[in-house]
N, C-alpha and C. Protein backbone atom coordinates (compact mmCIF):
# COMPACT_ATOMS: atom_id res chain seq x y z
N MET A 1 21.14 -51.47 -13.60
CA MET A 1 21.80 -50.19 -13.81
C MET A 1 23.22 -50.62 -13.40
N ALA A 2 23.99 -50.68 -14.24
CA ALA A 2 24.89 -50.33 -13.94
C ALA A 2 26.28 -49.61 -14.64
N VAL A 3 26.65 -48.95 -14.01
CA VAL A 3 27.68 -47.55 -14.88
C VAL A 3 28.42 -46.91 -13.86
N VAL A 4 30.18 -46.23 -13.84
CA VAL A 4 30.43 -45.63 -13.46
C VAL A 4 30.57 -44.31 -12.75
N LEU A 5 30.11 -44.39 -11.88
CA LEU A 5 29.55 -42.44 -11.52
C LEU A 5 31.09 -42.22 -10.93
N LEU A 6 31.42 -41.36 -10.96
CA LEU A 6 32.33 -39.88 -11.16
C LEU A 6 31.71 -39.34 -10.08
N MET A 7 33.23 -38.60 -9.52
CA MET A 7 31.97 -37.43 -8.37
C MET A 7 31.96 -35.84 -9.05
N ALA A 8 30.45 -35.58 -8.90
CA ALA A 8 30.56 -34.32 -8.97
C ALA A 8 28.59 -33.58 -8.58
N VAL A 9 29.20 -33.01 -7.19
CA VAL A 9 27.88 -32.93 -6.02
C VAL A 9 27.53 -31.01 -5.85
N GLY A 10 26.07 -31.05 -5.88
CA GLY A 10 26.15 -29.80 -5.27
C GLY A 10 26.00 -29.35 -3.84
N THR A 11 25.76 -28.42 -3.48
CA THR A 11 26.02 -27.90 -1.84
C THR A 11 24.93 -28.50 -1.21
N ALA A 12 23.91 -28.52 -1.81
CA ALA A 12 22.40 -28.81 -1.53
C ALA A 12 22.66 -30.13 -1.55
N ALA A 13 22.73 -30.64 -2.01
CA ALA A 13 23.45 -32.58 -1.82
C ALA A 13 24.10 -32.63 -1.13
N GLN A 14 24.98 -31.99 -0.22
CA GLN A 14 25.31 -31.81 0.57
C GLN A 14 24.98 -32.69 2.26
N GLU A 15 24.46 -30.93 1.50
CA GLU A 15 24.30 -30.40 3.08
C GLU A 15 22.39 -31.55 3.08
N ARG A 16 22.02 -31.71 2.66
CA ARG A 16 21.11 -32.40 2.97
C ARG A 16 21.74 -33.74 3.10
N TYR A 17 22.48 -34.48 2.32
CA TYR A 17 23.18 -35.89 3.10
C TYR A 17 23.32 -35.77 4.30
N HIS A 18 24.66 -34.68 4.99
CA HIS A 18 24.39 -34.82 5.81
C HIS A 18 23.26 -35.12 7.41
N LYS A 19 22.21 -34.35 6.53
CA LYS A 19 21.44 -33.65 7.47
C LYS A 19 20.51 -35.43 7.89
N VAL A 20 20.22 -36.34 6.96
CA VAL A 20 19.51 -37.00 6.66
C VAL A 20 20.37 -38.45 7.07
N ILE A 21 21.38 -39.01 6.03
CA ILE A 21 22.30 -40.35 6.56
C ILE A 21 23.10 -39.97 6.76
N PRO A 22 23.99 -41.12 7.18
CA PRO A 22 25.11 -40.40 8.51
C PRO A 22 26.87 -40.75 6.80
N PRO A 23 27.18 -39.72 7.32
CA PRO A 23 28.60 -40.26 5.82
C PRO A 23 29.34 -40.84 6.12
N ARG A 24 29.43 -41.44 7.42
CA ARG A 24 30.83 -43.15 7.31
C ARG A 24 29.86 -43.89 7.47
N ARG A 25 29.09 -44.30 7.13
CA ARG A 25 28.07 -44.97 7.43
C ARG A 25 29.67 -46.78 7.30
N TYR A 26 30.39 -46.52 5.64
CA TYR A 26 31.30 -48.05 5.49
C TYR A 26 32.45 -47.62 5.87
N GLU A 27 32.62 -46.49 7.43
CA GLU A 27 34.08 -45.81 6.78
C GLU A 27 34.73 -46.79 7.73
N GLU A 28 34.58 -47.42 8.58
CA GLU A 28 35.37 -48.82 9.75
C GLU A 28 34.84 -49.80 8.23
N ALA A 29 33.67 -50.00 7.92
CA ALA A 29 33.85 -51.92 7.51
C ALA A 29 35.34 -51.40 6.28
N ASN A 30 34.36 -50.36 5.15
CA ASN A 30 35.67 -49.66 4.22
C ASN A 30 37.47 -49.73 4.52
N LYS A 31 38.48 -49.56 5.74
CA LYS A 31 39.14 -50.20 6.59
C LYS A 31 39.15 -51.29 6.33
N GLU A 32 38.64 -52.89 6.28
CA GLU A 32 38.26 -53.25 6.21
C GLU A 32 38.69 -54.15 5.80
N VAL A 33 38.92 -54.02 4.65
CA VAL A 33 38.61 -54.51 2.57
C VAL A 33 40.10 -53.77 2.63
N LYS A 34 40.84 -55.98 3.32
CA LYS A 34 42.45 -55.67 2.83
C LYS A 34 41.86 -56.57 0.78
N VAL A 35 41.44 -56.98 0.78
CA VAL A 35 41.90 -57.61 -0.73
C VAL A 35 40.97 -57.01 -1.76
N ARG A 36 41.29 -56.84 -2.93
CA ARG A 36 40.28 -56.49 -3.83
C ARG A 36 39.83 -56.86 -4.03
N PRO A 37 37.82 -56.44 -4.33
CA PRO A 37 36.69 -56.72 -4.65
C PRO A 37 36.76 -57.13 -5.42
N LEU A 38 35.94 -58.37 -5.86
CA LEU A 38 35.56 -59.16 -7.39
C LEU A 38 34.57 -56.97 -7.75
N ALA A 39 33.43 -57.54 -6.61
CA ALA A 39 32.41 -56.14 -7.48
C ALA A 39 31.84 -55.39 -5.82
N VAL A 40 31.66 -54.58 -6.18
CA VAL A 40 31.15 -53.42 -5.21
C VAL A 40 29.32 -53.25 -5.52
N LEU A 41 29.04 -53.34 -5.19
CA LEU A 41 27.07 -53.33 -5.42
C LEU A 41 26.80 -52.13 -4.45
N PHE A 42 26.39 -50.94 -5.34
CA PHE A 42 26.10 -49.61 -5.16
C PHE A 42 24.43 -49.70 -5.25
N GLY A 43 23.82 -48.64 -3.86
CA GLY A 43 22.97 -48.32 -4.47
C GLY A 43 22.14 -48.14 -3.11
N ASP A 44 20.80 -48.22 -3.11
CA ASP A 44 19.60 -47.68 -1.55
C ASP A 44 19.28 -48.97 -1.70
N SER A 45 18.08 -49.24 -1.36
CA SER A 45 17.73 -49.71 0.45
C SER A 45 17.39 -51.38 -0.41
N ILE A 46 17.44 -51.70 -1.69
CA ILE A 46 17.06 -52.71 -2.00
C ILE A 46 18.87 -53.86 -1.99
N THR A 47 20.42 -52.11 -2.78
CA THR A 47 21.12 -53.20 -2.42
C THR A 47 21.72 -52.92 -1.28
N ASP A 48 21.14 -52.47 -0.27
CA ASP A 48 21.10 -52.04 1.28
C ASP A 48 21.61 -54.39 2.17
N ALA A 49 20.22 -53.95 1.39
CA ALA A 49 18.78 -55.38 2.01
C ALA A 49 20.13 -57.14 2.02
N TRP A 50 21.04 -57.18 0.32
CA TRP A 50 21.17 -57.87 -0.43
C TRP A 50 22.42 -58.69 1.09
N PRO A 51 23.89 -57.23 1.47
CA PRO A 51 24.66 -58.33 2.40
C PRO A 51 23.78 -58.65 3.60
N ILE A 52 23.07 -58.50 3.95
CA ILE A 52 22.33 -59.01 5.18
C ILE A 52 21.96 -59.65 5.07
N MET A 53 20.61 -60.18 3.98
CA MET A 53 20.18 -61.19 3.42
C MET A 53 20.85 -62.35 3.22
N SER A 54 22.29 -62.34 2.23
CA SER A 54 23.20 -63.12 1.39
C SER A 54 24.02 -63.38 2.64
N PRO A 55 24.82 -62.95 3.48
CA PRO A 55 26.38 -62.74 3.59
C PRO A 55 27.14 -63.54 3.06
N ASP A 56 26.86 -64.60 3.63
CA ASP A 56 28.02 -66.16 2.70
C ASP A 56 28.00 -65.82 1.61
N PHE A 57 26.40 -65.51 0.46
CA PHE A 57 27.22 -65.40 -1.06
C PHE A 57 27.89 -64.72 -1.60
N PHE A 58 28.34 -63.35 -0.43
CA PHE A 58 29.14 -61.75 -0.76
C PHE A 58 30.77 -62.52 -0.01
N LYS A 59 30.14 -62.81 0.87
CA LYS A 59 31.83 -63.97 1.15
C LYS A 59 32.32 -64.30 0.45
N LEU A 60 32.00 -65.29 -0.20
CA LEU A 60 32.52 -66.69 -0.60
C LEU A 60 31.99 -66.10 -1.95
N ASN A 61 32.36 -65.16 -3.09
CA ASN A 61 32.13 -64.89 -4.02
C ASN A 61 32.74 -63.13 -3.87
N ASN A 62 33.14 -62.82 -2.90
CA ASN A 62 34.16 -61.74 -3.07
C ASN A 62 33.93 -60.37 -3.18
N LEU A 63 32.39 -60.58 -2.51
CA LEU A 63 31.72 -58.87 -3.29
C LEU A 63 31.09 -58.43 -1.91
N ILE A 64 30.86 -56.54 -2.12
CA ILE A 64 31.09 -56.51 -1.05
C ILE A 64 29.74 -54.71 -1.12
N GLY A 65 28.53 -55.47 -0.72
CA GLY A 65 27.19 -54.21 -0.12
C GLY A 65 27.93 -52.78 0.13
N ARG A 66 27.68 -51.39 -0.91
CA ARG A 66 27.60 -50.32 0.06
C ARG A 66 26.01 -49.51 -0.74
N GLY A 67 25.05 -50.40 -0.24
CA GLY A 67 23.41 -49.24 -0.30
C GLY A 67 23.33 -48.86 1.22
N ILE A 68 22.13 -48.04 1.16
CA ILE A 68 21.79 -46.94 2.05
C ILE A 68 20.24 -46.92 1.45
N SER A 69 19.93 -47.45 2.79
CA SER A 69 18.16 -47.35 2.04
C SER A 69 17.91 -45.68 1.80
N GLY A 70 16.49 -45.53 0.97
CA GLY A 70 16.52 -43.87 0.87
C GLY A 70 17.22 -43.07 0.51
N GLU A 71 18.66 -43.20 -0.72
CA GLU A 71 19.44 -42.30 -0.89
C GLU A 71 18.59 -42.16 -1.81
N THR A 72 20.09 -40.83 -2.68
CA THR A 72 18.80 -40.29 -4.07
C THR A 72 19.99 -40.64 -4.54
N THR A 73 20.01 -40.34 -6.04
CA THR A 73 21.66 -40.33 -7.05
C THR A 73 22.05 -39.03 -6.87
N GLY A 74 22.04 -38.47 -6.22
CA GLY A 74 22.44 -37.30 -5.52
C GLY A 74 23.21 -37.42 -4.04
N ASP A 75 22.88 -38.14 -3.21
CA ASP A 75 23.44 -38.73 -2.28
C ASP A 75 24.62 -39.55 -2.45
N MET A 76 24.33 -40.77 -3.57
CA MET A 76 25.76 -41.30 -3.66
C MET A 76 26.78 -40.97 -4.60
N LEU A 77 26.89 -39.64 -4.90
CA LEU A 77 27.97 -39.04 -6.00
C LEU A 77 28.16 -38.64 -4.64
N ILE A 78 28.24 -38.45 -3.35
CA ILE A 78 28.64 -37.63 -2.27
C ILE A 78 29.52 -38.64 -1.85
N ARG A 79 29.24 -40.60 -1.77
CA ARG A 79 30.22 -41.08 -1.03
C ARG A 79 30.23 -42.21 -2.18
N PHE A 80 30.47 -41.84 -3.63
CA PHE A 80 30.99 -42.50 -4.36
C PHE A 80 32.53 -43.14 -4.51
N GLN A 81 33.50 -41.82 -3.92
CA GLN A 81 34.78 -42.19 -4.57
C GLN A 81 35.11 -43.22 -2.40
N LYS A 82 35.05 -42.51 -1.72
CA LYS A 82 34.61 -43.37 -0.59
C LYS A 82 34.60 -44.74 0.09
N ASP A 83 32.93 -45.35 -0.76
CA ASP A 83 32.24 -46.27 -0.73
C ASP A 83 33.02 -47.50 -1.61
N VAL A 84 33.19 -47.01 -3.52
CA VAL A 84 33.45 -47.66 -4.51
C VAL A 84 34.72 -47.34 -4.23
N VAL A 85 36.06 -46.67 -5.61
CA VAL A 85 36.34 -45.76 -6.24
C VAL A 85 37.35 -46.41 -4.77
N SER A 86 37.84 -46.29 -3.75
CA SER A 86 38.82 -46.38 -2.66
C SER A 86 38.87 -47.38 -1.99
N LEU A 87 37.99 -48.90 -2.46
CA LEU A 87 38.08 -50.41 -2.78
C LEU A 87 38.46 -50.66 -3.88
N ARG A 88 38.34 -50.43 -5.27
CA ARG A 88 39.57 -50.70 -6.43
C ARG A 88 38.69 -51.92 -7.54
N PRO A 89 37.89 -51.57 -6.72
CA PRO A 89 36.88 -53.30 -7.24
C PRO A 89 36.51 -53.36 -8.60
N LYS A 90 36.87 -54.38 -10.09
CA LYS A 90 37.47 -54.79 -10.54
C LYS A 90 36.03 -54.50 -11.23
N TYR A 91 34.39 -54.74 -10.92
CA TYR A 91 33.06 -54.24 -11.33
C TYR A 91 32.68 -53.94 -10.43
N VAL A 92 31.66 -52.71 -10.86
CA VAL A 92 30.78 -51.96 -10.09
C VAL A 92 29.10 -52.03 -10.06
N VAL A 93 28.05 -52.17 -9.45
CA VAL A 93 27.20 -52.62 -9.44
C VAL A 93 26.54 -51.04 -9.18
N ILE A 94 25.40 -50.42 -10.11
CA ILE A 94 25.05 -49.51 -9.30
C ILE A 94 23.82 -49.33 -9.60
N LEU A 95 23.15 -49.86 -8.64
CA LEU A 95 21.71 -49.49 -8.67
C LEU A 95 20.47 -47.83 -8.14
N ALA A 96 20.34 -47.25 -8.82
CA ALA A 96 19.71 -45.50 -8.27
C ALA A 96 18.52 -45.04 -8.94
N GLY A 97 18.19 -44.18 -8.21
CA GLY A 97 16.87 -43.24 -9.02
C GLY A 97 15.79 -43.70 -8.42
N THR A 98 15.27 -45.04 -8.32
CA THR A 98 14.46 -45.18 -7.29
C THR A 98 13.83 -44.28 -5.91
N ASN A 99 14.86 -43.97 -6.05
CA ASN A 99 14.01 -42.42 -4.83
C ASN A 99 14.69 -41.27 -4.82
N ASP A 100 14.77 -41.37 -6.31
CA ASP A 100 14.79 -39.42 -7.47
C ASP A 100 13.36 -39.69 -7.51
N ILE A 101 13.06 -40.28 -8.51
CA ILE A 101 11.85 -41.09 -9.03
C ILE A 101 10.45 -40.28 -7.95
N VAL A 102 10.44 -41.19 -6.40
CA VAL A 102 9.49 -40.72 -6.23
C VAL A 102 9.89 -39.04 -4.51
N MET A 103 10.86 -38.37 -5.50
CA MET A 103 11.30 -37.41 -4.98
C MET A 103 11.79 -36.85 -3.38
N ASN A 104 12.19 -38.33 -3.33
CA ASN A 104 12.74 -38.17 -1.40
C ASN A 104 13.53 -36.45 -1.27
N ALA A 105 14.29 -36.08 -1.88
CA ALA A 105 15.03 -35.26 -1.49
C ALA A 105 13.70 -33.35 -2.51
N GLY A 106 12.70 -34.15 -3.29
CA GLY A 106 11.82 -32.81 -4.12
C GLY A 106 12.07 -33.22 -5.44
N PRO A 107 11.65 -32.75 -6.03
CA PRO A 107 11.31 -32.49 -7.12
C PRO A 107 12.44 -32.52 -7.83
N ILE A 108 12.92 -33.80 -9.36
CA ILE A 108 13.92 -33.63 -10.14
C ILE A 108 13.82 -34.12 -10.95
N SER A 109 14.28 -33.19 -12.23
CA SER A 109 13.78 -34.05 -13.83
C SER A 109 14.44 -35.46 -14.63
N LEU A 110 14.10 -35.68 -14.93
CA LEU A 110 14.83 -37.74 -15.14
C LEU A 110 15.55 -37.46 -15.70
N GLU A 111 15.37 -35.75 -16.76
CA GLU A 111 17.82 -35.56 -17.45
C GLU A 111 18.38 -35.52 -16.68
N HIS A 112 18.02 -35.25 -14.53
CA HIS A 112 18.75 -34.87 -13.69
C HIS A 112 19.38 -35.55 -13.44
N ILE A 113 18.67 -37.09 -13.44
CA ILE A 113 18.52 -38.63 -12.81
C ILE A 113 19.80 -38.42 -13.15
N LEU A 114 19.73 -38.75 -14.81
CA LEU A 114 20.91 -39.30 -15.79
C LEU A 114 21.30 -38.97 -15.50
N ASP A 115 21.64 -37.13 -15.50
CA ASP A 115 22.95 -36.77 -15.87
C ASP A 115 24.12 -37.01 -14.09
N ASN A 116 23.14 -37.38 -13.26
CA ASN A 116 23.44 -37.31 -11.69
C ASN A 116 24.79 -38.59 -12.17
N ILE A 117 23.75 -40.18 -13.18
CA ILE A 117 24.72 -41.83 -12.43
C ILE A 117 25.74 -41.43 -13.44
N ILE A 118 25.48 -40.49 -15.20
CA ILE A 118 26.68 -40.72 -15.93
C ILE A 118 27.60 -40.00 -15.20
N ASN A 119 27.20 -39.04 -14.01
CA ASN A 119 28.99 -37.61 -14.36
C ASN A 119 29.09 -39.07 -12.75
């Protein structure tokens, strides 16, 4: 699923994010990005593993991985500005929703998941 997300996050999601996931995981790596990336691959555990499994592929193709295992779409909204928009990629690939469906942050409707992705 490739779409562009804009920032729109509720307080509850922010509180959960700061308790469960380090909010600055990519802070130093983002500072090291000097060339506009072709694409940022943004998402959860699957996206998290790609740059680890194929670092040469990412480097050779000017791709940046910004996945975090266990994240929900609400978690991703919190860090989208810092980990994607600020890097100014030409493209963004977003893989999201699996952790919402398995209710990592509790029950959530399919409509709410879609709203998080669209917003």
